[in-house]
Amino acid sequence: MQKRRSLTVMLAAAMAMSMPFTSLAGEWKANDTGWWWQEEDGSYPMNSWRWLDGNQDGISECYYFDETGYLVTAATTPDGYQVNADGAWTENGRVQSKEEEKEGSASMWGGNITVEAKQFTGNMYVLDEPRTRAYLIVGKDKALLIDTLMEDDHVLDEVRKITDLPVEVVLTHGHPDHIGGMVYFDSCCINERDAYLLPEGLDITYISEGDVISCGDFHFEIIEIPGHTYGSIALLDRSHGILITGDSVQEGPVVMFGDGVDMEAYINSMEKLMDYEDDVKYIFAGHHTYPSGSEYIRYAYEDAIAFVNGELPSTPMQAMGAVRNVYQGEHVSFLAD
């Protein structure tokens, strides 16, 4: 049980990787050590999540079982999610549930997913849901949307609840949980090295180091920070002290396996971002706690070096059809092979 953290080309959201299984039959068992879920064939889940409808009411809750198969309760799971005293996955104190339905439906991602819009400043909004996050800046003549959530979030509908202005889209990187909403737009800005991850037919504007994208009184400087993907970027607005980092600077686990991942490049990117620490008051990431402070740049740098040096303890977990490991640093964790 470790600190709180919060994937098809590759989904960067750890929930998508660690919660794919619904148990169709079985029952709860208990002994003096704790509770476990036993399938009809006598097997039981270990190091994994299960959606379970134990009371047969047609609604499942999600539970995590440790390396010995026992239910984890009142703790944070190795992949960074909160479970309550009954072992059920919670977000912001609410038990996450889903009605039993056909495999492959949207609720396989967590059930009852809703987007919550919160106003951070006068014209900056956070569009948040348990799997991912986007940011909306509302100017005088246009709005700027940074990342687009998942396709089933219908992000344009959420934007229209706030503004009717034309929308310019900027993408921090090309993972599906950040570009899913591009089905509702015709154009976007992205670093060229991640453009191959976008669907065909879009009008793409390439952005790179030093470019500035403005909206209202926000003027975002583009900083290239490869490592998590080839073309990951951060957006810095010095006047507001805001750095938007996609998945690269966060508590984690930061996904560090698959196409585009380069830990040496990641370390270099974090070292580069440290030059901007004095300009950053708030870090807004694509997942987990927001905002965090500028110290998380240094935390990511130091824990990444410890990872490379083999100094971080690891916990195995099932992710994208394979057993991978969560490597826990002092402040930041990484999900890697």
C-alpha atoms as a PDB file:
ATOM      1  CA  MET A   1       0.000   0.000   0.000  1.00  0.00           C
ATOM      2  CA  GLN A   2       1.667   3.185  -1.093  1.00  0.00           C
ATOM      3  CA  LYS A   3       0.957   6.833  -1.762  1.00  0.00           C
ATOM      4  CA  ARG A   4      -2.087   7.951  -3.773  1.00  0.00           C
ATOM      5  CA  ARG A   5      -1.673   8.042  -7.599  1.00  0.00           C
ATOM      6  CA  SER A   6      -4.176   8.021  -9.845  1.00  0.00           C
ATOM      7  CA  LEU A   7      -4.479   2.934 -22.034  1.00  0.00           C
ATOM      8  CA  THR A   8      -6.095   1.218 -28.359  1.00  0.00           C
ATOM      9  CA  VAL A   9      -2.411   2.627 -28.962  1.00  0.00           C
ATOM     10  CA  MET A  10      -1.510   2.893 -25.275  1.00  0.00           C
ATOM     11  CA  LEU A  11      -3.661   4.418 -22.559  1.00  0.00           C
ATOM     12  CA  ALA A  12      -1.746   6.329 -20.022  1.00  0.00           C
ATOM     13  CA  ALA A  13      -4.424   6.103 -17.400  1.00  0.00           C
ATOM     14  CA  ALA A  14      -3.502   3.407 -14.937  1.00  0.00           C
ATOM     15  CA  MET A  15      -7.152   2.633 -14.232  1.00  0.00           C
ATOM     16  CA  ALA A  16      -7.617   1.494 -17.788  1.00  0.00           C
ATOM     17  CA  MET A  17      -4.715  -0.858 -17.406  1.00  0.00           C
ATOM     18  CA  SER A  18      -5.435  -2.244 -13.983  1.00  0.00           C
ATOM     19  CA  MET A  19      -9.222  -2.667 -13.918  1.00  0.00           C
ATOM     20  CA  PRO A  20     -10.277  -4.650 -16.974  1.00  0.00           C
ATOM     21  CA  PHE A  21     -11.826  -7.711 -15.412  1.00  0.00           C
ATOM     22  CA  THR A  22     -15.420  -8.374 -14.391  1.00  0.00           C
ATOM     23  CA  SER A  23     -16.023 -11.517 -12.395  1.00  0.00           C
ATOM     24  CA  LEU A  24     -19.120 -13.331 -13.574  1.00  0.00           C
ATOM     25  CA  ALA A  25     -19.410 -16.025 -10.906  1.00  0.00           C
ATOM     26  CA  GLY A  26     -17.936 -16.772  -7.508  1.00  0.00           C
ATOM     27  CA  GLU A  27     -18.366 -15.821  -3.882  1.00  0.00           C
ATOM     28  CA  TRP A  28     -16.743 -13.992  -0.997  1.00  0.00           C
ATOM     29  CA  LYS A  29     -14.710 -16.053   1.469  1.00  0.00           C
ATOM     30  CA  ALA A  30     -13.118 -15.030   4.761  1.00  0.00           C
ATOM     31  CA  ASN A  31     -10.794 -16.308   7.468  1.00  0.00           C
ATOM     32  CA  ASP A  32      -8.873 -14.763  10.345  1.00  0.00           C
ATOM     33  CA  THR A  33      -6.539 -12.992   7.910  1.00  0.00           C
ATOM     34  CA  GLY A  34      -9.153 -11.336   5.735  1.00  0.00           C
ATOM     35  CA  TRP A  35     -11.520 -11.590   2.783  1.00  0.00           C
ATOM     36  CA  TRP A  36     -10.925 -12.952  -0.725  1.00  0.00           C
ATOM     37  CA  TRP A  37     -13.021 -13.659  -3.818  1.00  0.00           C
ATOM     38  CA  GLN A  38     -13.164 -17.308  -4.899  1.00  0.00           C
ATOM     39  CA  GLU A  39     -14.165 -18.146  -8.462  1.00  0.00           C
ATOM     40  CA  GLU A  40     -16.270 -21.204  -9.289  1.00  0.00           C
ATOM     41  CA  ASP A  41     -13.133 -23.091 -10.371  1.00  0.00           C
ATOM     42  CA  GLY A  42     -11.477 -22.435  -6.998  1.00  0.00           C
ATOM     43  CA  SER A  43      -9.060 -19.778  -8.271  1.00  0.00           C
ATOM     44  CA  TYR A  44      -8.894 -16.300  -6.816  1.00  0.00           C
ATOM     45  CA  PRO A  45      -7.573 -12.923  -8.070  1.00  0.00           C
ATOM     46  CA  MET A  46      -4.150 -11.736  -6.950  1.00  0.00           C
ATOM     47  CA  ASN A  47      -2.370  -8.439  -7.662  1.00  0.00           C
ATOM     48  CA  SER A  48      -5.414  -7.305  -9.598  1.00  0.00           C
ATOM     49  CA  TRP A  49      -8.756  -5.508  -9.605  1.00  0.00           C
ATOM     50  CA  ARG A  50     -12.168  -7.139 -10.021  1.00  0.00           C
ATOM     51  CA  TRP A  51     -15.610  -5.680 -10.636  1.00  0.00           C
ATOM     52  CA  LEU A  52     -17.819  -7.753  -8.329  1.00  0.00           C
ATOM     53  CA  ASP A  53     -21.561  -7.886  -7.752  1.00  0.00           C
ATOM     54  CA  GLY A  54     -21.370  -9.856  -4.529  1.00  0.00           C
ATOM     55  CA  ASN A  55     -24.958  -9.186  -3.430  1.00  0.00           C
ATOM     56  CA  GLN A  56     -26.433  -9.829  -6.899  1.00  0.00           C
ATOM     57  CA  ASP A  57     -28.183  -6.446  -7.083  1.00  0.00           C
ATOM     58  CA  GLY A  58     -27.058  -5.849 -10.664  1.00  0.00           C
ATOM     59  CA  ILE A  59     -24.510  -3.210  -9.622  1.00  0.00           C
ATOM     60  CA  SER A  60     -20.796  -4.010  -9.290  1.00  0.00           C
ATOM     61  CA  GLU A  61     -18.146  -2.306  -7.210  1.00  0.00           C
ATOM     62  CA  CYS A  62     -14.417  -2.540  -7.884  1.00  0.00           C
ATOM     63  CA  TYR A  63     -12.034  -4.241  -5.464  1.00  0.00           C
ATOM     64  CA  TYR A  64      -8.261  -4.760  -5.325  1.00  0.00           C
ATOM     65  CA  PHE A  65      -6.660  -8.010  -4.155  1.00  0.00           C
ATOM     66  CA  ASP A  66      -3.042  -8.160  -2.966  1.00  0.00           C
ATOM     67  CA  GLU A  67      -0.240 -10.550  -3.901  1.00  0.00           C
ATOM     68  CA  THR A  68      -1.655 -13.237  -1.597  1.00  0.00           C
ATOM     69  CA  GLY A  69      -5.205 -12.802  -2.835  1.00  0.00           C
ATOM     70  CA  TYR A  70      -6.637 -10.940   0.144  1.00  0.00           C
ATOM     71  CA  LEU A  71      -8.882  -7.897  -0.234  1.00  0.00           C
ATOM     72  CA  VAL A  72      -7.164  -4.550   0.371  1.00  0.00           C
ATOM     73  CA  THR A  73      -9.230  -2.254   2.590  1.00  0.00           C
ATOM     74  CA  ALA A  74      -8.985   1.321   3.879  1.00  0.00           C
ATOM     75  CA  ALA A  75      -5.772   1.999   1.985  1.00  0.00           C
ATOM     76  CA  THR A  76      -4.170   3.142  -1.238  1.00  0.00           C
ATOM     77  CA  THR A  77      -3.556   0.384  -3.793  1.00  0.00           C
ATOM     78  CA  PRO A  78      -0.113  -0.108  -5.394  1.00  0.00           C
ATOM     79  CA  ASP A  79      -1.339   1.636  -8.559  1.00  0.00           C
ATOM     80  CA  GLY A  80      -2.500   4.618  -6.558  1.00  0.00           C
ATOM     81  CA  TYR A  81      -6.271   4.349  -6.017  1.00  0.00           C
ATOM     82  CA  GLN A  82      -8.239   4.714  -2.816  1.00  0.00           C
ATOM     83  CA  VAL A  83     -10.337   1.888  -1.387  1.00  0.00           C
ATOM     84  CA  ASN A  84     -12.635   2.268   1.603  1.00  0.00           C
ATOM     85  CA  ALA A  85     -13.111   0.104   4.690  1.00  0.00           C
ATOM     86  CA  ASP A  86     -15.185  -2.334   2.618  1.00  0.00           C
ATOM     87  CA  GLY A  87     -12.460  -2.498  -0.027  1.00  0.00           C
ATOM     88  CA  ALA A  88     -14.466  -0.631  -2.688  1.00  0.00           C
ATOM     89  CA  TRP A  89     -12.709   1.793  -5.057  1.00  0.00           C
ATOM     90  CA  THR A  90     -13.588   5.395  -4.217  1.00  0.00           C
ATOM     91  CA  GLU A  91     -12.936   8.737  -5.901  1.00  0.00           C
ATOM     92  CA  ASN A  92     -13.411  11.906  -3.859  1.00  0.00           C
ATOM     93  CA  GLY A  93     -15.109   9.814  -1.192  1.00  0.00           C
ATOM     94  CA  ARG A  94     -17.675   8.284  -3.597  1.00  0.00           C
ATOM     95  CA  VAL A  95     -17.822   4.542  -4.235  1.00  0.00           C
ATOM     96  CA  GLN A  96     -17.401   3.870  -7.963  1.00  0.00           C
ATOM     97  CA  SER A  97     -19.909   1.409  -9.378  1.00  0.00           C
ATOM     98  CA  LYS A  98     -21.333   0.162 -12.663  1.00  0.00           C
ATOM     99  CA  GLU A  99     -24.446  -1.608 -13.734  1.00  0.00           C
ATOM    100  CA  GLU A 100     -23.862  -5.007 -15.287  1.00  0.00           C
ATOM    101  CA  GLU A 101     -23.899  -4.612 -19.070  1.00  0.00           C
ATOM    102  CA  LYS A 102     -22.291  -5.822 -22.259  1.00  0.00           C
ATOM    103  CA  GLU A 103     -18.539  -6.257 -22.294  1.00  0.00           C
ATOM    104  CA  GLY A 104     -16.758  -3.423 -24.072  1.00  0.00           C
ATOM    105  CA  SER A 105     -19.152  -0.707 -23.018  1.00  0.00           C
ATOM    106  CA  ALA A 106     -17.966   2.612 -21.639  1.00  0.00           C
ATOM    107  CA  SER A 107     -18.597   1.649 -18.031  1.00  0.00           C
ATOM    108  CA  MET A 108     -15.878  -1.011 -18.281  1.00  0.00           C
ATOM    109  CA  TRP A 109     -13.647   1.994 -17.582  1.00  0.00           C
ATOM    110  CA  GLY A 110     -15.150   2.662 -14.211  1.00  0.00           C
ATOM    111  CA  GLY A 111     -18.915   3.066 -14.412  1.00  0.00           C
ATOM    112  CA  ASN A 112     -20.942   6.188 -13.809  1.00  0.00           C
ATOM    113  CA  ILE A 113     -18.205   8.357 -15.279  1.00  0.00           C
ATOM    114  CA  THR A 114     -19.098  12.033 -15.262  1.00  0.00           C
ATOM    115  CA  VAL A 115     -17.027  15.093 -16.137  1.00  0.00           C
ATOM    116  CA  GLU A 116     -16.832  17.711 -13.435  1.00  0.00           C
ATOM    117  CA  ALA A 117     -15.984  21.271 -14.452  1.00  0.00           C
ATOM    118  CA  LYS A 118     -14.310  23.424 -11.824  1.00  0.00           C
ATOM    119  CA  GLN A 119     -13.300  27.051 -12.211  1.00  0.00           C
ATOM    120  CA  PHE A 120      -9.727  27.609 -11.077  1.00  0.00           C
ATOM    121  CA  THR A 121      -9.409  31.287 -12.000  1.00  0.00           C
ATOM    122  CA  GLY A 122     -11.759  33.716 -13.676  1.00  0.00           C
ATOM    123  CA  ASN A 123     -11.295  32.137 -17.101  1.00  0.00           C
ATOM    124  CA  MET A 124      -9.517  28.813 -16.504  1.00  0.00           C
ATOM    125  CA  TYR A 125     -11.548  25.647 -15.965  1.00  0.00           C
ATOM    126  CA  VAL A 126     -10.531  22.123 -15.023  1.00  0.00           C
ATOM    127  CA  LEU A 127     -12.536  19.380 -16.789  1.00  0.00           C
ATOM    128  CA  ASP A 128     -11.989  16.409 -14.539  1.00  0.00           C
ATOM    129  CA  GLU A 129     -13.128  12.787 -14.510  1.00  0.00           C
ATOM    130  CA  PRO A 130     -11.635   9.768 -12.735  1.00  0.00           C
ATOM    131  CA  ARG A 131      -9.612   8.551 -15.764  1.00  0.00           C
ATOM    132  CA  THR A 132      -8.150  11.755 -17.176  1.00  0.00           C
ATOM    133  CA  ARG A 133      -8.310  15.548 -17.201  1.00  0.00           C
ATOM    134  CA  ALA A 134      -8.414  18.510 -19.594  1.00  0.00           C
ATOM    135  CA  TYR A 135      -8.137  22.275 -19.208  1.00  0.00           C
ATOM    136  CA  LEU A 136     -10.213  25.054 -20.758  1.00  0.00           C
ATOM    137  CA  ILE A 137      -9.201  28.707 -21.074  1.00  0.00           C
ATOM    138  CA  VAL A 138     -11.925  31.136 -22.098  1.00  0.00           C
ATOM    139  CA  GLY A 139     -10.763  34.286 -23.853  1.00  0.00           C
ATOM    140  CA  LYS A 140     -12.602  37.147 -25.531  1.00  0.00           C
ATOM    141  CA  ASP A 141     -12.682  35.752 -29.087  1.00  0.00           C
ATOM    142  CA  LYS A 142     -11.862  32.065 -28.623  1.00  0.00           C
ATOM    143  CA  ALA A 143     -11.444  29.282 -26.099  1.00  0.00           C
ATOM    144  CA  LEU A 144      -8.380  27.104 -25.700  1.00  0.00           C
ATOM    145  CA  LEU A 145      -8.862  23.428 -24.819  1.00  0.00           C
ATOM    146  CA  ILE A 146      -5.761  21.623 -23.577  1.00  0.00           C
ATOM    147  CA  ASP A 147      -6.313  17.882 -24.126  1.00  0.00           C
ATOM    148  CA  THR A 148      -9.717  16.358 -24.940  1.00  0.00           C
ATOM    149  CA  LEU A 149     -10.458  13.591 -22.422  1.00  0.00           C
ATOM    150  CA  MET A 150     -11.854  10.231 -23.607  1.00  0.00           C
ATOM    151  CA  GLU A 151     -14.232   9.897 -26.550  1.00  0.00           C
ATOM    152  CA  ASP A 152     -17.134   8.864 -24.320  1.00  0.00           C
ATOM    153  CA  ASP A 153     -16.744  12.046 -22.249  1.00  0.00           C
ATOM    154  CA  HIS A 154     -18.219  14.141 -25.116  1.00  0.00           C
ATOM    155  CA  VAL A 155     -15.857  16.955 -24.205  1.00  0.00           C
ATOM    156  CA  LEU A 156     -17.339  19.421 -26.689  1.00  0.00           C
ATOM    157  CA  ASP A 157     -20.682  19.175 -24.903  1.00  0.00           C
ATOM    158  CA  GLU A 158     -18.882  19.947 -21.657  1.00  0.00           C
ATOM    159  CA  VAL A 159     -17.131  22.930 -23.231  1.00  0.00           C
ATOM    160  CA  ARG A 160     -20.451  24.250 -24.569  1.00  0.00           C
ATOM    161  CA  LYS A 161     -21.822  24.310 -21.048  1.00  0.00           C
ATOM    162  CA  ILE A 162     -19.196  26.979 -20.347  1.00  0.00           C
ATOM    163  CA  THR A 163     -18.694  28.895 -23.607  1.00  0.00           C
ATOM    164  CA  ASP A 164     -20.009  29.190 -27.180  1.00  0.00           C
ATOM    165  CA  LEU A 165     -16.722  30.609 -28.491  1.00  0.00           C
ATOM    166  CA  PRO A 166     -14.678  28.868 -31.210  1.00  0.00           C
ATOM    167  CA  VAL A 167     -12.341  26.279 -29.682  1.00  0.00           C
ATOM    168  CA  GLU A 168      -8.632  25.833 -30.403  1.00  0.00           C
ATOM    169  CA  VAL A 169      -7.272  22.455 -29.259  1.00  0.00           C
ATOM    170  CA  VAL A 170      -3.750  21.852 -27.974  1.00  0.00           C
ATOM    171  CA  LEU A 171      -2.579  18.353 -27.031  1.00  0.00           C
ATOM    172  CA  THR A 172       0.100  17.683 -24.433  1.00  0.00           C
ATOM    173  CA  HIS A 173       0.807  14.284 -26.022  1.00  0.00           C
ATOM    174  CA  GLY A 174      -0.850  11.635 -28.167  1.00  0.00           C
ATOM    175  CA  HIS A 175      -2.134   9.002 -25.755  1.00  0.00           C
ATOM    176  CA  PRO A 176      -5.808   8.037 -26.231  1.00  0.00           C
ATOM    177  CA  ASP A 177      -7.007   9.293 -22.859  1.00  0.00           C
ATOM    178  CA  HIS A 178      -5.878  12.772 -23.966  1.00  0.00           C
ATOM    179  CA  ILE A 179      -6.882  12.708 -27.638  1.00  0.00           C
ATOM    180  CA  GLY A 180     -10.092  10.670 -27.471  1.00  0.00           C
ATOM    181  CA  GLY A 181     -12.237  13.767 -27.771  1.00  0.00           C
ATOM    182  CA  MET A 182     -10.631  14.715 -31.086  1.00  0.00           C
ATOM    183  CA  VAL A 183     -13.560  12.953 -32.763  1.00  0.00           C
ATOM    184  CA  TYR A 184     -15.484  16.168 -32.013  1.00  0.00           C
ATOM    185  CA  PHE A 185     -12.927  18.532 -33.595  1.00  0.00           C
ATOM    186  CA  ASP A 186     -11.400  19.035 -37.039  1.00  0.00           C
ATOM    187  CA  SER A 187      -8.032  20.496 -36.037  1.00  0.00           C
ATOM    188  CA  CYS A 188      -5.487  20.613 -33.266  1.00  0.00           C
ATOM    189  CA  CYS A 189      -1.971  21.622 -32.279  1.00  0.00           C
ATOM    190  CA  ILE A 190       0.504  18.924 -31.273  1.00  0.00           C
ATOM    191  CA  ASN A 191       4.235  18.331 -31.307  1.00  0.00           C
ATOM    192  CA  GLU A 192       5.161  16.691 -34.616  1.00  0.00           C
ATOM    193  CA  ARG A 193       6.744  13.665 -32.939  1.00  0.00           C
ATOM    194  CA  ASP A 194       3.394  12.606 -31.478  1.00  0.00           C
ATOM    195  CA  ALA A 195       1.286  13.411 -34.539  1.00  0.00           C
ATOM    196  CA  TYR A 196       1.438   9.766 -35.725  1.00  0.00           C
ATOM    197  CA  LEU A 197      -0.829   8.885 -32.803  1.00  0.00           C
ATOM    198  CA  LEU A 198      -3.697  11.056 -34.065  1.00  0.00           C
ATOM    199  CA  PRO A 199      -6.569   9.793 -36.229  1.00  0.00           C
ATOM    200  CA  GLU A 200      -6.366  10.554 -39.933  1.00  0.00           C
ATOM    201  CA  GLY A 201      -8.075  13.515 -41.547  1.00  0.00           C
ATOM    202  CA  LEU A 202      -7.285  16.196 -38.981  1.00  0.00           C
ATOM    203  CA  ASP A 203      -5.879  19.613 -39.792  1.00  0.00           C
ATOM    204  CA  ILE A 204      -2.732  19.550 -37.670  1.00  0.00           C
ATOM    205  CA  THR A 205      -0.563  22.477 -36.622  1.00  0.00           C
ATOM    206  CA  TYR A 206       2.841  21.440 -35.301  1.00  0.00           C
ATOM    207  CA  ILE A 207       4.067  23.193 -32.186  1.00  0.00           C
ATOM    208  CA  SER A 208       7.592  23.108 -30.821  1.00  0.00           C
ATOM    209  CA  GLU A 209       9.989  24.578 -28.292  1.00  0.00           C
ATOM    210  CA  GLY A 210       9.479  28.296 -27.746  1.00  0.00           C
ATOM    211  CA  ASP A 211       6.167  28.646 -29.573  1.00  0.00           C
ATOM    212  CA  VAL A 212       3.552  30.685 -27.724  1.00  0.00           C
ATOM    213  CA  ILE A 213      -0.173  30.005 -27.744  1.00  0.00           C
ATOM    214  CA  SER A 214      -2.326  32.787 -26.355  1.00  0.00           C
ATOM    215  CA  CYS A 215      -5.910  32.953 -25.186  1.00  0.00           C
ATOM    216  CA  GLY A 216      -7.284  35.838 -23.173  1.00  0.00           C
ATOM    217  CA  ASP A 217      -4.701  36.876 -20.640  1.00  0.00           C
ATOM    218  CA  PHE A 218      -2.936  33.501 -20.834  1.00  0.00           C
ATOM    219  CA  HIS A 219       0.200  33.176 -22.944  1.00  0.00           C
ATOM    220  CA  PHE A 220       1.471  29.591 -22.923  1.00  0.00           C
ATOM    221  CA  GLU A 221       5.099  28.949 -23.858  1.00  0.00           C
ATOM    222  CA  ILE A 222       5.665  25.480 -25.326  1.00  0.00           C
ATOM    223  CA  ILE A 223       8.397  23.408 -23.675  1.00  0.00           C
ATOM    224  CA  GLU A 224       9.343  20.075 -25.235  1.00  0.00           C
ATOM    225  CA  ILE A 225       9.666  17.358 -22.596  1.00  0.00           C
ATOM    226  CA  PRO A 226      10.101  13.973 -24.348  1.00  0.00           C
ATOM    227  CA  GLY A 227      10.325  10.809 -22.284  1.00  0.00           C
ATOM    228  CA  HIS A 228       6.772   9.732 -21.555  1.00  0.00           C
ATOM    229  CA  THR A 229       6.175   9.974 -25.316  1.00  0.00           C
ATOM    230  CA  TYR A 230       8.358  11.232 -28.167  1.00  0.00           C
ATOM    231  CA  GLY A 231       6.410  14.482 -28.417  1.00  0.00           C
ATOM    232  CA  SER A 232       5.282  15.301 -24.900  1.00  0.00           C
ATOM    233  CA  ILE A 233       5.087  19.002 -24.147  1.00  0.00           C
ATOM    234  CA  ALA A 234       4.449  21.262 -21.201  1.00  0.00           C
ATOM    235  CA  LEU A 235       2.717  24.639 -21.403  1.00  0.00           C
ATOM    236  CA  LEU A 236       4.002  27.455 -19.198  1.00  0.00           C
ATOM    237  CA  ASP A 237       2.148  30.670 -18.433  1.00  0.00           C
ATOM    238  CA  ARG A 238       4.571  32.766 -16.439  1.00  0.00           C
ATOM    239  CA  SER A 239       2.115  35.515 -15.504  1.00  0.00           C
ATOM    240  CA  HIS A 240      -0.178  33.071 -13.711  1.00  0.00           C
ATOM    241  CA  GLY A 241       2.594  30.737 -12.560  1.00  0.00           C
ATOM    242  CA  ILE A 242       0.872  27.779 -14.239  1.00  0.00           C
ATOM    243  CA  LEU A 243       2.604  24.772 -15.814  1.00  0.00           C
ATOM    244  CA  ILE A 244       0.404  22.193 -17.587  1.00  0.00           C
ATOM    245  CA  THR A 245       2.388  18.979 -17.935  1.00  0.00           C
ATOM    246  CA  GLY A 246       0.198  16.224 -19.386  1.00  0.00           C
ATOM    247  CA  ASP A 247       1.345  12.951 -17.810  1.00  0.00           C
ATOM    248  CA  SER A 248       5.002  13.830 -17.341  1.00  0.00           C
ATOM    249  CA  VAL A 249       4.984  15.595 -13.963  1.00  0.00           C
ATOM    250  CA  GLN A 250       2.616  14.027 -11.455  1.00  0.00           C
ATOM    251  CA  GLU A 251       2.568  11.771  -8.427  1.00  0.00           C
ATOM    252  CA  GLY A 252       2.224   8.798 -10.748  1.00  0.00           C
ATOM    253  CA  PRO A 253       2.482   6.157 -11.655  1.00  0.00           C
ATOM    254  CA  VAL A 254       3.981   7.769 -14.733  1.00  0.00           C
ATOM    255  CA  VAL A 255       3.699   5.209 -17.547  1.00  0.00           C
ATOM    256  CA  MET A 256       7.206   4.371 -18.723  1.00  0.00           C
ATOM    257  CA  PHE A 257       6.768   1.418 -21.071  1.00  0.00           C
ATOM    258  CA  GLY A 258       5.739   1.121 -24.698  1.00  0.00           C
ATOM    259  CA  ASP A 259       6.340   3.104 -27.870  1.00  0.00           C
ATOM    260  CA  GLY A 260       7.939   6.499 -27.365  1.00  0.00           C
ATOM    261  CA  VAL A 261       9.166   5.913 -23.825  1.00  0.00           C
ATOM    262  CA  ASP A 262      12.739   6.968 -23.053  1.00  0.00           C
ATOM    263  CA  MET A 263      13.755   7.283 -19.410  1.00  0.00           C
ATOM    264  CA  GLU A 264      17.032   9.043 -20.202  1.00  0.00           C
ATOM    265  CA  ALA A 265      15.114  11.624 -22.227  1.00  0.00           C
ATOM    266  CA  TYR A 266      12.606  11.906 -19.380  1.00  0.00           C
ATOM    267  CA  ILE A 267      15.355  12.690 -16.874  1.00  0.00           C
ATOM    268  CA  ASN A 268      16.792  15.305 -19.233  1.00  0.00           C
ATOM    269  CA  SER A 269      13.335  16.832 -19.623  1.00  0.00           C
ATOM    270  CA  MET A 270      12.823  17.079 -15.871  1.00  0.00           C
ATOM    271  CA  GLU A 271      16.280  18.641 -15.521  1.00  0.00           C
ATOM    272  CA  LYS A 272      15.269  21.173 -18.164  1.00  0.00           C
ATOM    273  CA  LEU A 273      12.014  21.977 -16.400  1.00  0.00           C
ATOM    274  CA  MET A 274      13.895  22.691 -13.192  1.00  0.00           C
ATOM    275  CA  ASP A 275      15.207  25.832 -14.904  1.00  0.00           C
ATOM    276  CA  TYR A 276      11.602  27.103 -14.827  1.00  0.00           C
ATOM    277  CA  GLU A 277      10.857  26.332 -11.182  1.00  0.00           C
ATOM    278  CA  ASP A 278      10.932  29.975 -10.126  1.00  0.00           C
ATOM    279  CA  ASP A 279       8.230  30.728 -12.730  1.00  0.00           C
ATOM    280  CA  VAL A 280       5.920  27.953 -11.557  1.00  0.00           C
ATOM    281  CA  LYS A 281       3.477  28.192  -8.694  1.00  0.00           C
ATOM    282  CA  TYR A 282       0.963  25.569  -9.840  1.00  0.00           C
ATOM    283  CA  ILE A 283       1.462  22.331 -11.764  1.00  0.00           C
ATOM    284  CA  PHE A 284      -1.621  20.939 -13.495  1.00  0.00           C
ATOM    285  CA  ALA A 285      -1.179  17.319 -14.574  1.00  0.00           C
ATOM    286  CA  GLY A 286      -3.337  14.995 -16.649  1.00  0.00           C
ATOM    287  CA  HIS A 287      -4.090  12.730 -13.692  1.00  0.00           C
ATOM    288  CA  HIS A 288      -4.157  12.623  -9.922  1.00  0.00           C
ATOM    289  CA  THR A 289      -3.806  15.568  -7.542  1.00  0.00           C
ATOM    290  CA  TYR A 290      -4.125  19.098  -8.891  1.00  0.00           C
ATOM    291  CA  PRO A 291      -2.678  21.544  -8.573  1.00  0.00           C
ATOM    292  CA  SER A 292       0.636  20.442  -7.134  1.00  0.00           C
ATOM    293  CA  GLY A 293       3.648  22.635  -6.494  1.00  0.00           C
ATOM    294  CA  SER A 294       6.787  23.244  -8.518  1.00  0.00           C
ATOM    295  CA  GLU A 295       8.693  20.889  -6.226  1.00  0.00           C
ATOM    296  CA  TYR A 296       7.209  17.974  -8.166  1.00  0.00           C
ATOM    297  CA  ILE A 297       9.546  18.744 -11.053  1.00  0.00           C
ATOM    298  CA  ARG A 298      12.520  18.048  -8.833  1.00  0.00           C
ATOM    299  CA  TYR A 299      10.752  15.095  -7.221  1.00  0.00           C
ATOM    300  CA  ALA A 300      10.209  13.532 -10.661  1.00  0.00           C
ATOM    301  CA  TYR A 301      13.845  14.151 -11.598  1.00  0.00           C
ATOM    302  CA  GLU A 302      15.252  12.647  -8.416  1.00  0.00           C
ATOM    303  CA  ASP A 303      12.956   9.625  -8.356  1.00  0.00           C
ATOM    304  CA  ALA A 304      13.618   8.931 -12.051  1.00  0.00           C
ATOM    305  CA  ILE A 305      17.353   8.864 -11.354  1.00  0.00           C
ATOM    306  CA  ALA A 306      16.733   6.496  -8.443  1.00  0.00           C
ATOM    307  CA  PHE A 307      14.699   4.296 -10.827  1.00  0.00           C
ATOM    308  CA  VAL A 308      17.552   4.148 -13.340  1.00  0.00           C
ATOM    309  CA  ASN A 309      19.972   3.330 -10.526  1.00  0.00           C
ATOM    310  CA  GLY A 310      17.795   0.398  -9.424  1.00  0.00           C
ATOM    311  CA  GLU A 311      17.031   1.952  -6.065  1.00  0.00           C
ATOM    312  CA  LEU A 312      13.204   1.916  -6.117  1.00  0.00           C
ATOM    313  CA  PRO A 313      11.119  -0.869  -4.587  1.00  0.00           C
ATOM    314  CA  SER A 314       8.622  -2.410  -6.981  1.00  0.00           C
ATOM    315  CA  THR A 315       5.198  -3.991  -6.757  1.00  0.00           C
ATOM    316  CA  PRO A 316       3.916  -6.208  -9.604  1.00  0.00           C
ATOM    317  CA  MET A 317       0.566  -5.484 -11.214  1.00  0.00           C
ATOM    318  CA  GLN A 318      -1.381  -6.647 -14.237  1.00  0.00           C
ATOM    319  CA  ALA A 319      -1.314  -3.940 -16.932  1.00  0.00           C
ATOM    320  CA  MET A 320      -2.228  -4.165 -20.613  1.00  0.00           C
ATOM    321  CA  GLY A 321      -2.172  -7.940 -20.674  1.00  0.00           C
ATOM    322  CA  ALA A 322       1.174  -8.352 -18.943  1.00  0.00           C
ATOM    323  CA  VAL A 323       2.636  -8.264 -15.475  1.00  0.00           C
ATOM    324  CA  ARG A 324       4.469  -4.989 -15.015  1.00  0.00           C
ATOM    325  CA  ASN A 325       5.794  -3.185 -11.967  1.00  0.00           C
ATOM    326  CA  VAL A 326       5.020  -0.015 -10.052  1.00  0.00           C
ATOM    327  CA  TYR A 327       8.357   1.450  -8.936  1.00  0.00           C
ATOM    328  CA  GLN A 328       7.782   3.681  -5.946  1.00  0.00           C
ATOM    329  CA  GLY A 329      10.043   6.668  -5.402  1.00  0.00           C
ATOM    330  CA  GLU A 330       9.987   8.968  -2.426  1.00  0.00           C
ATOM    331  CA  HIS A 331       7.392  11.185  -4.112  1.00  0.00           C
ATOM    332  CA  VAL A 332       6.770   9.884  -7.665  1.00  0.00           C
ATOM    333  CA  SER A 333       6.114   6.367  -8.970  1.00  0.00           C
ATOM    334  CA  PHE A 334       6.661   4.817 -12.405  1.00  0.00           C
ATOM    335  CA  LEU A 335       4.861   1.971 -14.166  1.00  0.00           C
ATOM    336  CA  ALA A 336       7.387  -0.010 -16.192  1.00  0.00           C
ATOM    337  CA  ASP A 337       8.373  -3.475 -17.342  1.00  0.00           C
END
